[in-house]
PDB file of all heavy atoms in Angstrom:
ATOM      1  N   ARG A   1    -113.589 183.690 140.799  1.00  0.00           N
ATOM      2  CA  ARG A   1    -114.789 183.811 140.025  1.00  0.00           C
ATOM      3  C   ARG A   1    -114.720 185.088 139.121  1.00  0.00           C
ATOM      4  O   ARG A   1    -114.125 186.106 139.555  1.00  0.00           O
ATOM      5  CB  ARG A   1    -115.978 184.048 140.853  1.00  0.00           C
ATOM      6  CG  ARG A   1    -116.464 182.731 141.474  1.00  0.00           C
ATOM      7  CD  ARG A   1    -117.676 182.992 142.252  1.00  0.00           C
ATOM      8  NE  ARG A   1    -118.549 181.759 142.425  1.00  0.00           N
ATOM      9  CZ  ARG A   1    -119.673 181.791 143.000  1.00  0.00           C
ATOM     10  NH1 ARG A   1    -120.196 182.845 143.530  1.00  0.00           N
ATOM     11  NH2 ARG A   1    -120.310 180.590 143.095  1.00  0.00           N
ATOM     12  N   GLN A   2    -115.288 184.923 137.949  1.00  0.00           N
ATOM     13  CA  GLN A   2    -115.360 186.049 136.972  1.00  0.00           C
ATOM     14  C   GLN A   2    -116.459 186.988 137.534  1.00  0.00           C
ATOM     15  O   GLN A   2    -117.577 186.556 137.947  1.00  0.00           O
ATOM     16  CB  GLN A   2    -115.673 185.625 135.598  1.00  0.00           C
ATOM     17  CG  GLN A   2    -115.561 186.713 134.621  1.00  0.00           C
ATOM     18  CD  GLN A   2    -114.261 187.207 134.391  1.00  0.00           C
ATOM     19  OE1 GLN A   2    -113.361 186.500 134.312  1.00  0.00           O
ATOM     20  NE2 GLN A   2    -114.099 188.522 134.252  1.00  0.00           N
ATOM     21  N   GLY A   3    -116.237 188.307 137.577  1.00  0.00           N
ATOM     22  CA  GLY A   3    -117.215 189.321 137.956  1.00  0.00           C
ATOM     23  C   GLY A   3    -118.326 189.373 137.032  1.00  0.00           C
ATOM     24  O   GLY A   3    -118.261 188.872 135.920  1.00  0.00           O
ATOM     25  N   LYS A   4    -119.395 190.077 137.436  1.00  0.00           N
ATOM     26  CA  LYS A   4    -120.558 190.196 136.648  1.00  0.00           C
ATOM     27  C   LYS A   4    -120.323 190.977 135.316  1.00  0.00           C
ATOM     28  O   LYS A   4    -120.890 190.761 134.291  1.00  0.00           O
ATOM     29  CB  LYS A   4    -121.712 190.936 137.383  1.00  0.00           C
ATOM     30  CG  LYS A   4    -122.356 190.098 138.452  1.00  0.00           C
ATOM     31  CD  LYS A   4    -123.487 190.876 139.103  1.00  0.00           C
ATOM     32  CE  LYS A   4    -124.215 189.969 140.081  1.00  0.00           C
ATOM     33  NZ  LYS A   4    -125.326 190.708 140.739  1.00  0.00           N
ATOM     34  N   HIS A   5    -119.486 192.019 135.389  1.00  0.00           N
ATOM     35  CA  HIS A   5    -119.361 192.951 134.312  1.00  0.00           C
ATOM     36  C   HIS A   5    -117.937 192.726 133.612  1.00  0.00           C
ATOM     37  O   HIS A   5    -117.647 193.503 132.711  1.00  0.00           O
ATOM     38  CB  HIS A   5    -119.411 194.388 134.784  1.00  0.00           C
ATOM     39  CG  HIS A   5    -120.685 194.614 135.500  1.00  0.00           C
ATOM     40  ND1 HIS A   5    -121.885 194.504 134.857  1.00  0.00           N
ATOM     41  CD2 HIS A   5    -120.961 194.972 136.754  1.00  0.00           C
ATOM     42  CE1 HIS A   5    -122.850 194.906 135.679  1.00  0.00           C
ATOM     43  NE2 HIS A   5    -122.397 195.083 136.877  1.00  0.00           N
ATOM     44  N   ASN A   6    -117.197 191.706 134.032  1.00  0.00           N
ATOM     45  CA  ASN A   6    -115.928 191.423 133.313  1.00  0.00           C
ATOM     46  C   ASN A   6    -114.951 192.598 133.404  1.00  0.00           C
ATOM     47  O   ASN A   6    -114.086 192.726 132.535  1.00  0.00           O
ATOM     48  CB  ASN A   6    -116.097 190.987 131.891  1.00  0.00           C
ATOM     49  CG  ASN A   6    -116.448 189.537 131.808  1.00  0.00           C
ATOM     50  OD1 ASN A   6    -116.382 188.828 132.799  1.00  0.00           O
ATOM     51  ND2 ASN A   6    -116.922 189.059 130.645  1.00  0.00           N
ATOM     52  N   LYS A   7    -115.072 193.512 134.365  1.00  0.00           N
ATOM     53  CA  LYS A   7    -114.193 194.604 134.359  1.00  0.00           C
ATOM     54  C   LYS A   7    -112.955 194.345 135.219  1.00  0.00           C
ATOM     55  O   LYS A   7    -111.890 194.854 134.794  1.00  0.00           O
ATOM     56  CB  LYS A   7    -114.938 195.850 134.997  1.00  0.00           C
ATOM     57  CG  LYS A   7    -115.949 196.413 134.120  1.00  0.00           C
ATOM     58  CD  LYS A   7    -116.427 197.718 134.444  1.00  0.00           C
ATOM     59  CE  LYS A   7    -117.372 198.235 133.281  1.00  0.00           C
ATOM     60  NZ  LYS A   7    -117.901 199.489 133.593  1.00  0.00           N
ATOM     61  N   HIS A   8    -113.092 193.563 136.167  1.00  0.00           N
ATOM     62  CA  HIS A   8    -111.770 193.209 136.941  1.00  0.00           C
ATOM     63  C   HIS A   8    -111.199 191.982 136.356  1.00  0.00           C
ATOM     64  O   HIS A   8    -111.904 191.091 135.968  1.00  0.00           O
ATOM     65  CB  HIS A   8    -112.138 193.150 138.486  1.00  0.00           C
ATOM     66  CG  HIS A   8    -112.695 191.813 138.837  1.00  0.00           C
ATOM     67  ND1 HIS A   8    -114.044 191.368 138.670  1.00  0.00           N
ATOM     68  CD2 HIS A   8    -112.093 190.671 139.450  1.00  0.00           C
ATOM     69  CE1 HIS A   8    -114.239 190.227 139.062  1.00  0.00           C
ATOM     70  NE2 HIS A   8    -113.081 189.704 139.591  1.00  0.00           N
ATOM     71  N   LYS A   9    -109.861 192.024 136.297  1.00  0.00           N
ATOM     72  CA  LYS A   9    -109.173 190.855 135.745  1.00  0.00           C
ATOM     73  C   LYS A   9    -108.841 189.834 136.759  1.00  0.00           C
ATOM     74  O   LYS A   9    -108.451 190.200 137.911  1.00  0.00           O
ATOM     75  CB  LYS A   9    -107.865 191.386 134.979  1.00  0.00           C
ATOM     76  CG  LYS A   9    -108.187 192.219 133.893  1.00  0.00           C
ATOM     77  CD  LYS A   9    -107.045 192.130 132.886  1.00  0.00           C
ATOM     78  CE  LYS A   9    -107.451 193.214 131.743  1.00  0.00           C
ATOM     79  NZ  LYS A   9    -107.247 192.708 130.428  1.00  0.00           N
ATOM     80  N   ILE A  10    -108.876 188.589 136.453  1.00  0.00           N
ATOM     81  CA  ILE A  10    -108.503 187.524 137.334  1.00  0.00           C
ATOM     82  C   ILE A  10    -107.000 187.217 137.182  1.00  0.00           C
ATOM     83  O   ILE A  10    -106.579 187.181 136.081  1.00  0.00           O
ATOM     84  CB  ILE A  10    -109.310 186.252 136.968  1.00  0.00           C
ATOM     85  CG1 ILE A  10    -110.809 186.441 137.193  1.00  0.00           C
ATOM     86  CG2 ILE A  10    -108.760 185.100 137.703  1.00  0.00           C
ATOM     87  CD1 ILE A  10    -111.629 185.279 136.730  1.00  0.00           C
ATOM     88  N   PRO A  11    -106.291 187.164 138.339  1.00  0.00           N
ATOM     89  CA  PRO A  11    -104.865 186.763 138.187  1.00  0.00           C
ATOM     90  C   PRO A  11    -104.630 185.436 137.503  1.00  0.00           C
ATOM     91  O   PRO A  11    -105.494 184.451 137.629  1.00  0.00           O
ATOM     92  CB  PRO A  11    -104.420 186.678 139.580  1.00  0.00           C
ATOM     93  CG  PRO A  11    -105.410 187.441 140.411  1.00  0.00           C
ATOM     94  CD  PRO A  11    -106.704 187.387 139.736  1.00  0.00           C
ATOM     95  N   ARG A  12    -103.761 185.346 136.686  1.00  0.00           N
ATOM     96  CA  ARG A  12    -103.499 184.065 135.846  1.00  0.00           C
ATOM     97  C   ARG A  12    -103.432 182.891 136.788  1.00  0.00           C
ATOM     98  O   ARG A  12    -103.902 181.865 136.356  1.00  0.00           O
ATOM     99  CB  ARG A  12    -102.216 184.282 135.073  1.00  0.00           C
ATOM    100  CG  ARG A  12    -101.873 183.126 134.243  1.00  0.00           C
ATOM    101  CD  ARG A  12    -102.145 183.249 132.841  1.00  0.00           C
ATOM    102  NE  ARG A  12    -101.667 182.064 131.964  1.00  0.00           N
ATOM    103  CZ  ARG A  12    -102.544 181.329 131.433  1.00  0.00           C
ATOM    104  NH1 ARG A  12    -103.830 181.515 131.501  1.00  0.00           N
ATOM    105  NH2 ARG A  12    -102.128 180.316 130.732  1.00  0.00           N
ATOM    106  N   THR A  13    -102.924 183.039 137.952  1.00  0.00           N
ATOM    107  CA  THR A  13    -102.720 181.814 138.783  1.00  0.00           C
ATOM    108  C   THR A  13    -103.967 181.387 139.369  1.00  0.00           C
ATOM    109  O   THR A  13    -104.097 180.322 140.013  1.00  0.00           O
ATOM    110  CB  THR A  13    -101.724 182.139 139.977  1.00  0.00           C
ATOM    111  OG1 THR A  13    -102.195 183.305 140.647  1.00  0.00           O
ATOM    112  CG2 THR A  13    -100.287 182.452 139.514  1.00  0.00           C
ATOM    113  N   ARG A  14    -105.006 182.120 139.271  1.00  0.00           N
ATOM    114  CA  ARG A  14    -106.402 181.846 139.836  1.00  0.00           C
ATOM    115  C   ARG A  14    -107.352 181.355 138.793  1.00  0.00           C
ATOM    116  O   ARG A  14    -108.566 181.029 139.078  1.00  0.00           O
ATOM    117  CB  ARG A  14    -106.942 182.999 140.574  1.00  0.00           C
ATOM    118  CG  ARG A  14    -106.234 183.539 141.781  1.00  0.00           C
ATOM    119  CD  ARG A  14    -106.491 182.587 142.956  1.00  0.00           C
ATOM    120  NE  ARG A  14    -105.956 183.064 144.170  1.00  0.00           N
ATOM    121  CZ  ARG A  14    -106.583 183.829 145.043  1.00  0.00           C
ATOM    122  NH1 ARG A  14    -107.961 184.129 144.889  1.00  0.00           N
ATOM    123  NH2 ARG A  14    -106.060 184.140 146.203  1.00  0.00           N
ATOM    124  N   THR A  15    -106.981 181.256 137.592  1.00  0.00           N
ATOM    125  CA  THR A  15    -107.802 180.717 136.451  1.00  0.00           C
ATOM    126  C   THR A  15    -108.001 179.179 136.594  1.00  0.00           C
ATOM    127  O   THR A  15    -107.183 178.482 137.212  1.00  0.00           O
ATOM    128  CB  THR A  15    -107.373 180.990 135.183  1.00  0.00           C
ATOM    129  OG1 THR A  15    -106.053 180.369 134.930  1.00  0.00           O
ATOM    130  CG2 THR A  15    -107.187 182.514 134.881  1.00  0.00           C
ATOM    131  N   VAL A  16    -109.080 178.670 136.095  1.00  0.00           N
ATOM    132  CA  VAL A  16    -109.332 177.200 136.188  1.00  0.00           C
ATOM    133  C   VAL A  16    -108.253 176.420 135.502  1.00  0.00           C
ATOM    134  O   VAL A  16    -107.690 175.515 136.174  1.00  0.00           O
ATOM    135  CB  VAL A  16    -110.735 176.919 135.456  1.00  0.00           C
ATOM    136  CG1 VAL A  16    -110.913 175.383 135.319  1.00  0.00           C
ATOM    137  CG2 VAL A  16    -111.863 177.533 136.127  1.00  0.00           C
ATOM    138  N   VAL A  17    -107.715 176.811 134.319  1.00  0.00           N
ATOM    139  CA  VAL A  17    -106.733 176.013 133.646  1.00  0.00           C
ATOM    140  C   VAL A  17    -105.513 176.101 134.414  1.00  0.00           C
ATOM    141  O   VAL A  17    -104.823 175.004 134.596  1.00  0.00           O
ATOM    142  CB  VAL A  17    -106.461 176.687 132.205  1.00  0.00           C
ATOM    143  CG1 VAL A  17    -105.332 176.003 131.481  1.00  0.00           C
ATOM    144  CG2 VAL A  17    -107.677 176.537 131.364  1.00  0.00           C
ATOM    145  N   SER A  18    -105.024 177.175 134.991  1.00  0.00           N
ATOM    146  CA  SER A  18    -103.870 177.287 135.707  1.00  0.00           C
ATOM    147  C   SER A  18    -103.895 176.433 137.005  1.00  0.00           C
ATOM    148  O   SER A  18    -102.902 175.741 137.396  1.00  0.00           O
ATOM    149  CB  SER A  18    -103.520 178.690 136.112  1.00  0.00           C
ATOM    150  OG  SER A  18    -102.361 178.836 136.848  1.00  0.00           O
ATOM    151  N   VAL A  19    -105.014 176.547 137.707  1.00  0.00           N
ATOM    152  CA  VAL A  19    -105.153 175.787 138.919  1.00  0.00           C
ATOM    153  C   VAL A  19    -105.111 174.267 138.695  1.00  0.00           C
ATOM    154  O   VAL A  19    -104.512 173.512 139.413  1.00  0.00           O
ATOM    155  CB  VAL A  19    -106.471 176.190 139.688  1.00  0.00           C
ATOM    156  CG1 VAL A  19    -106.685 175.179 140.860  1.00  0.00           C
ATOM    157  CG2 VAL A  19    -106.228 177.566 140.247  1.00  0.00           C
ATOM    158  N   ARG A  20    -105.716 173.853 137.622  1.00  0.00           N
ATOM    159  CA  ARG A  20    -105.667 172.429 137.236  1.00  0.00           C
ATOM    160  C   ARG A  20    -104.320 171.901 136.861  1.00  0.00           C
ATOM    161  O   ARG A  20    -103.886 170.836 137.238  1.00  0.00           O
ATOM    162  CB  ARG A  20    -106.607 172.137 136.076  1.00  0.00           C
ATOM    163  CG  ARG A  20    -108.097 172.108 136.568  1.00  0.00           C
ATOM    164  CD  ARG A  20    -109.019 171.671 135.475  1.00  0.00           C
ATOM    165  NE  ARG A  20    -110.444 171.663 135.837  1.00  0.00           N
ATOM    166  CZ  ARG A  20    -111.369 171.379 135.096  1.00  0.00           C
ATOM    167  NH1 ARG A  20    -111.227 171.120 133.793  1.00  0.00           N
ATOM    168  NH2 ARG A  20    -112.628 171.350 135.601  1.00  0.00           N
ATOM    169  N   GLU A  21    -103.525 172.785 136.087  1.00  0.00           N
ATOM    170  CA  GLU A  21    -102.220 172.392 135.751  1.00  0.00           C
ATOM    171  C   GLU A  21    -101.283 172.318 137.018  1.00  0.00           C
ATOM    172  O   GLU A  21    -100.478 171.335 137.084  1.00  0.00           O
ATOM    173  CB  GLU A  21    -101.684 173.368 134.742  1.00  0.00           C
ATOM    174  CG  GLU A  21    -102.232 173.199 133.317  1.00  0.00           C
ATOM    175  CD  GLU A  21    -101.677 174.148 132.373  1.00  0.00           C
ATOM    176  OE1 GLU A  21    -100.701 174.974 132.691  1.00  0.00           O
ATOM    177  OE2 GLU A  21    -102.190 174.290 131.186  1.00  0.00           O
ATOM    178  N   CYS A  22    -101.424 173.265 137.845  1.00  0.00           N
ATOM    179  CA  CYS A  22    -100.635 173.179 139.071  1.00  0.00           C
ATOM    180  C   CYS A  22    -100.949 171.992 139.972  1.00  0.00           C
ATOM    181  O   CYS A  22    -100.135 171.398 140.585  1.00  0.00           O
ATOM    182  CB  CYS A  22    -100.804 174.559 139.841  1.00  0.00           C
ATOM    183  SG  CYS A  22    -100.114 175.969 139.016  1.00  0.00           S
ATOM    184  N   LEU A  23    -102.250 171.670 139.973  1.00  0.00           N
ATOM    185  CA  LEU A  23    -102.711 170.558 140.789  1.00  0.00           C
ATOM    186  C   LEU A  23    -102.194 169.238 140.303  1.00  0.00           C
ATOM    187  O   LEU A  23    -101.621 168.440 141.086  1.00  0.00           O
ATOM    188  CB  LEU A  23    -104.273 170.551 140.822  1.00  0.00           C
ATOM    189  CG  LEU A  23    -104.909 169.475 141.621  1.00  0.00           C
ATOM    190  CD1 LEU A  23    -104.699 169.617 143.065  1.00  0.00           C
ATOM    191  CD2 LEU A  23    -106.386 169.455 141.294  1.00  0.00           C
ATOM    192  N   LEU A  24    -102.156 169.092 138.959  1.00  0.00           N
ATOM    193  CA  LEU A  24    -101.556 167.986 138.345  1.00  0.00           C
ATOM    194  C   LEU A  24    -100.088 167.868 138.565  1.00  0.00           C
ATOM    195  O   LEU A  24     -99.570 166.772 138.898  1.00  0.00           O
ATOM    196  CB  LEU A  24    -101.886 167.944 136.848  1.00  0.00           C
ATOM    197  CG  LEU A  24    -101.472 166.645 136.065  1.00  0.00           C
ATOM    198  CD1 LEU A  24    -102.322 165.545 136.567  1.00  0.00           C
ATOM    199  CD2 LEU A  24    -101.680 166.927 134.639  1.00  0.00           C
ATOM    200  N   ALA A  25     -99.398 169.019 138.469  1.00  0.00           N
ATOM    201  CA  ALA A  25     -97.906 169.058 138.792  1.00  0.00           C
ATOM    202  C   ALA A  25     -97.751 168.649 140.211  1.00  0.00           C
ATOM    203  O   ALA A  25     -96.745 167.938 140.498  1.00  0.00           O
ATOM    204  CB  ALA A  25     -97.373 170.448 138.461  1.00  0.00           C
ATOM    205  N   ASP A  26     -98.569 169.149 141.200  1.00  0.00           N
ATOM    206  CA  ASP A  26     -98.330 168.716 142.648  1.00  0.00           C
ATOM    207  C   ASP A  26     -98.470 167.235 142.734  1.00  0.00           C
ATOM    208  O   ASP A  26     -97.773 166.626 143.540  1.00  0.00           O
ATOM    209  CB  ASP A  26     -99.335 169.459 143.413  1.00  0.00           C
ATOM    210  CG  ASP A  26     -99.023 170.918 143.606  1.00  0.00           C
ATOM    211  OD1 ASP A  26     -97.982 171.397 143.149  1.00  0.00           O
ATOM    212  OD2 ASP A  26     -99.842 171.640 144.112  1.00  0.00           O
ATOM    213  N   LEU A  27     -99.496 166.683 142.164  1.00  0.00           N
ATOM    214  CA  LEU A  27     -99.848 165.274 142.300  1.00  0.00           C
ATOM    215  C   LEU A  27     -98.783 164.357 141.714  1.00  0.00           C
ATOM    216  O   LEU A  27     -98.381 163.350 142.257  1.00  0.00           O
ATOM    217  CB  LEU A  27    -101.160 164.881 141.566  1.00  0.00           C
ATOM    218  CG  LEU A  27    -102.406 165.394 142.303  1.00  0.00           C
ATOM    219  CD1 LEU A  27    -103.652 165.187 141.382  1.00  0.00           C
ATOM    220  CD2 LEU A  27    -102.656 164.703 143.633  1.00  0.00           C
ATOM    221  N   LEU A  28     -98.099 164.865 140.660  1.00  0.00           N
ATOM    222  CA  LEU A  28     -97.024 164.093 139.983  1.00  0.00           C
ATOM    223  C   LEU A  28     -95.715 164.299 140.482  1.00  0.00           C
ATOM    224  O   LEU A  28     -94.766 163.566 140.085  1.00  0.00           O
ATOM    225  CB  LEU A  28     -97.037 164.437 138.443  1.00  0.00           C
ATOM    226  CG  LEU A  28     -98.314 163.855 137.645  1.00  0.00           C
ATOM    227  CD1 LEU A  28     -98.220 164.456 136.220  1.00  0.00           C
ATOM    228  CD2 LEU A  28     -98.208 162.332 137.599  1.00  0.00           C
ATOM    229  N   TYR A  29     -95.503 165.338 141.367  1.00  0.00           N
ATOM    230  CA  TYR A  29     -94.103 165.568 141.833  1.00  0.00           C
ATOM    231  C   TYR A  29     -93.497 164.367 142.418  1.00  0.00           C
ATOM    232  O   TYR A  29     -94.137 163.529 143.047  1.00  0.00           O
ATOM    233  CB  TYR A  29     -94.288 166.710 142.975  1.00  0.00           C
ATOM    234  CG  TYR A  29     -92.876 167.116 143.438  1.00  0.00           C
ATOM    235  CD1 TYR A  29     -92.226 168.222 142.718  1.00  0.00           C
ATOM    236  CD2 TYR A  29     -92.300 166.549 144.523  1.00  0.00           C
ATOM    237  CE1 TYR A  29     -90.990 168.581 143.090  1.00  0.00           C
ATOM    238  CE2 TYR A  29     -90.994 166.968 144.903  1.00  0.00           C
ATOM    239  CZ  TYR A  29     -90.370 168.000 144.237  1.00  0.00           C
ATOM    240  OH  TYR A  29     -89.126 168.422 144.579  1.00  0.00           O
ATOM    241  N   PRO A  30     -92.248 164.048 142.068  1.00  0.00           N
ATOM    242  CA  PRO A  30     -91.193 164.892 141.441  1.00  0.00           C
ATOM    243  C   PRO A  30     -90.988 164.602 139.940  1.00  0.00           C
ATOM    244  O   PRO A  30     -90.090 165.075 139.335  1.00  0.00           O
ATOM    245  CB  PRO A  30     -89.944 164.277 142.153  1.00  0.00           C
ATOM    246  CG  PRO A  30     -90.197 162.892 142.380  1.00  0.00           C
ATOM    247  CD  PRO A  30     -91.700 162.829 142.640  1.00  0.00           C
ATOM    248  N   VAL A  31     -91.986 164.081 139.272  1.00  0.00           N
ATOM    249  CA  VAL A  31     -92.018 163.896 137.797  1.00  0.00           C
ATOM    250  C   VAL A  31     -92.514 164.994 137.151  1.00  0.00           C
ATOM    251  O   VAL A  31     -93.627 165.578 137.532  1.00  0.00           O
ATOM    252  CB  VAL A  31     -92.677 162.532 137.489  1.00  0.00           C
ATOM    253  CG1 VAL A  31     -92.676 162.244 135.990  1.00  0.00           C
ATOM    254  CG2 VAL A  31     -92.023 161.384 138.215  1.00  0.00           C
ATOM    255  N   ASP A  32     -92.035 165.466 135.992  1.00  0.00           N
ATOM    256  CA  ASP A  32     -92.499 166.512 135.226  1.00  0.00           C
ATOM    257  C   ASP A  32     -93.289 166.094 134.082  1.00  0.00           C
ATOM    258  O   ASP A  32     -93.012 164.986 133.489  1.00  0.00           O
ATOM    259  CB  ASP A  32     -91.387 167.420 134.736  1.00  0.00           C
ATOM    260  CG  ASP A  32     -90.598 168.175 135.813  1.00  0.00           C
ATOM    261  OD1 ASP A  32     -91.283 168.550 136.750  1.00  0.00           O
ATOM    262  OD2 ASP A  32     -89.421 168.380 135.628  1.00  0.00           O
ATOM    263  N   VAL A  33     -94.267 166.860 133.575  1.00  0.00           N
ATOM    264  CA  VAL A  33     -95.045 166.577 132.420  1.00  0.00           C
ATOM    265  C   VAL A  33     -94.278 167.021 131.167  1.00  0.00           C
ATOM    266  O   VAL A  33     -93.843 168.135 131.254  1.00  0.00           O
ATOM    267  CB  VAL A  33     -96.427 167.396 132.523  1.00  0.00           C
ATOM    268  CG1 VAL A  33     -97.215 167.140 131.227  1.00  0.00           C
ATOM    269  CG2 VAL A  33     -97.260 166.930 133.713  1.00  0.00           C
ATOM    270  N   VAL A  34     -94.088 166.169 130.234  1.00  0.00           N
ATOM    271  CA  VAL A  34     -93.308 166.452 129.006  1.00  0.00           C
ATOM    272  C   VAL A  34     -94.202 166.718 127.823  1.00  0.00           C
ATOM    273  O   VAL A  34     -93.758 167.176 126.793  1.00  0.00           O
ATOM    274  CB  VAL A  34     -92.201 165.537 128.707  1.00  0.00           C
ATOM    275  CG1 VAL A  34     -91.118 165.495 129.857  1.00  0.00           C
ATOM    276  CG2 VAL A  34     -92.757 164.063 128.543  1.00  0.00           C
ATOM    277  N   GLY A  35     -95.432 166.282 127.842  1.00  0.00           N
ATOM    278  CA  GLY A  35     -96.358 166.472 126.725  1.00  0.00           C
ATOM    279  C   GLY A  35     -97.778 166.272 127.087  1.00  0.00           C
ATOM    280  O   GLY A  35     -98.124 165.718 128.059  1.00  0.00           O
ATOM    281  N   ARG A  36     -98.666 166.920 126.304  1.00  0.00           N
ATOM    282  CA  ARG A  36    -100.169 166.833 126.501  1.00  0.00           C
ATOM    283  C   ARG A  36    -100.881 166.602 125.201  1.00  0.00           C
ATOM    284  O   ARG A  36    -100.373 167.245 124.159  1.00  0.00           O
ATOM    285  CB  ARG A  36    -100.698 168.061 127.104  1.00  0.00           C
ATOM    286  CG  ARG A  36    -100.160 168.382 128.483  1.00  0.00           C
ATOM    287  CD  ARG A  36    -100.606 169.834 128.952  1.00  0.00           C
ATOM    288  NE  ARG A  36     -99.876 170.355 129.986  1.00  0.00           N
ATOM    289  CZ  ARG A  36    -100.146 170.248 131.229  1.00  0.00           C
ATOM    290  NH1 ARG A  36    -101.162 169.547 131.633  1.00  0.00           N
ATOM    291  NH2 ARG A  36     -99.262 170.690 132.196  1.00  0.00           N
ATOM    292  N   ARG A  37    -101.835 165.930 125.192  1.00  0.00           N
ATOM    293  CA  ARG A  37    -102.703 165.631 123.965  1.00  0.00           C
ATOM    294  C   ARG A  37    -104.144 165.772 124.360  1.00  0.00           C
ATOM    295  O   ARG A  37    -104.508 165.148 125.317  1.00  0.00           O
ATOM    296  CB  ARG A  37    -102.487 164.393 123.272  1.00  0.00           C
ATOM    297  CG  ARG A  37    -101.011 164.058 122.840  1.00  0.00           C
ATOM    298  CD  ARG A  37    -100.695 164.907 121.617  1.00  0.00           C
ATOM    299  NE  ARG A  37     -99.387 164.759 121.252  1.00  0.00           N
ATOM    300  CZ  ARG A  37     -98.231 165.311 121.623  1.00  0.00           C
ATOM    301  NH1 ARG A  37     -98.493 166.353 122.395  1.00  0.00           N
ATOM    302  NH2 ARG A  37     -97.052 165.099 121.088  1.00  0.00           N
ATOM    303  N   TRP A  38    -104.929 166.516 123.656  1.00  0.00           N
ATOM    304  CA  TRP A  38    -106.322 166.641 123.873  1.00  0.00           C
ATOM    305  C   TRP A  38    -107.093 166.009 122.693  1.00  0.00           C
ATOM    306  O   TRP A  38    -106.728 166.331 121.518  1.00  0.00           O
ATOM    307  CB  TRP A  38    -106.774 168.101 124.043  1.00  0.00           C
ATOM    308  CG  TRP A  38    -106.287 168.678 125.278  1.00  0.00           C
ATOM    309  CD1 TRP A  38    -106.858 168.649 126.512  1.00  0.00           C
ATOM    310  CD2 TRP A  38    -105.109 169.469 125.341  1.00  0.00           C
ATOM    311  NE1 TRP A  38    -106.062 169.326 127.392  1.00  0.00           N
ATOM    312  CE2 TRP A  38    -104.977 169.842 126.823  1.00  0.00           C
ATOM    313  CE3 TRP A  38    -104.079 169.857 124.629  1.00  0.00           C
ATOM    314  CZ2 TRP A  38    -103.951 170.612 127.263  1.00  0.00           C
ATOM    315  CZ3 TRP A  38    -103.069 170.614 125.073  1.00  0.00           C
ATOM    316  CH2 TRP A  38    -102.981 171.027 126.363  1.00  0.00           C
ATOM    317  N   ARG A  39    -108.036 165.183 122.934  1.00  0.00           N
ATOM    318  CA  ARG A  39    -108.864 164.629 121.852  1.00  0.00           C
ATOM    319  C   ARG A  39    -110.245 164.967 122.140  1.00  0.00           C
ATOM    320  O   ARG A  39    -110.913 164.680 123.235  1.00  0.00           O
ATOM    321  CB  ARG A  39    -108.732 163.090 121.854  1.00  0.00           C
ATOM    322  CG  ARG A  39    -109.604 162.415 120.775  1.00  0.00           C
ATOM    323  CD  ARG A  39    -109.408 161.050 120.645  1.00  0.00           C
ATOM    324  NE  ARG A  39    -108.147 160.745 120.072  1.00  0.00           N
ATOM    325  CZ  ARG A  39    -107.488 159.643 120.265  1.00  0.00           C
ATOM    326  NH1 ARG A  39    -108.009 158.625 120.990  1.00  0.00           N
ATOM    327  NH2 ARG A  39    -106.361 159.373 119.727  1.00  0.00           N
ATOM    328  N   HIS A  40    -110.977 165.739 121.235  1.00  0.00           N
ATOM    329  CA  HIS A  40    -112.387 166.081 121.277  1.00  0.00           C
ATOM    330  C   HIS A  40    -113.151 165.099 120.581  1.00  0.00           C
ATOM    331  O   HIS A  40    -112.971 164.888 119.394  1.00  0.00           O
ATOM    332  CB  HIS A  40    -112.535 167.523 120.741  1.00  0.00           C
ATOM    333  CG  HIS A  40    -111.794 168.572 121.533  1.00  0.00           C
ATOM    334  ND1 HIS A  40    -112.373 169.136 122.572  1.00  0.00           N
ATOM    335  CD2 HIS A  40    -110.602 169.016 121.334  1.00  0.00           C
ATOM    336  CE1 HIS A  40    -111.453 170.062 123.012  1.00  0.00           C
ATOM    337  NE2 HIS A  40    -110.439 169.974 122.389  1.00  0.00           N
ATOM    338  N   LYS A  41    -114.091 164.300 121.247  1.00  0.00           N
ATOM    339  CA  LYS A  41    -114.741 163.402 120.626  1.00  0.00           C
ATOM    340  C   LYS A  41    -116.080 163.930 120.078  1.00  0.00           C
ATOM    341  O   LYS A  41    -116.542 164.962 120.381  1.00  0.00           O
ATOM    342  CB  LYS A  41    -115.130 162.245 121.678  1.00  0.00           C
ATOM    343  CG  LYS A  41    -113.836 161.623 122.233  1.00  0.00           C
ATOM    344  CD  LYS A  41    -114.241 160.521 123.209  1.00  0.00           C
ATOM    345  CE  LYS A  41    -113.000 159.829 123.742  1.00  0.00           C
ATOM    346  NZ  LYS A  41    -113.210 158.816 124.639  1.00  0.00           N
TER     347      LYS A  41
END
């Protein structure tokens, strides 16, 4: 979680984006992700 005053930094491996990417990599193992596309509707 981000602190109230934003003074302490969150380790990169604990951010939402990083955790989601690692979770996806775990679910897809042994296949690697070779590309991503985002579409904002």
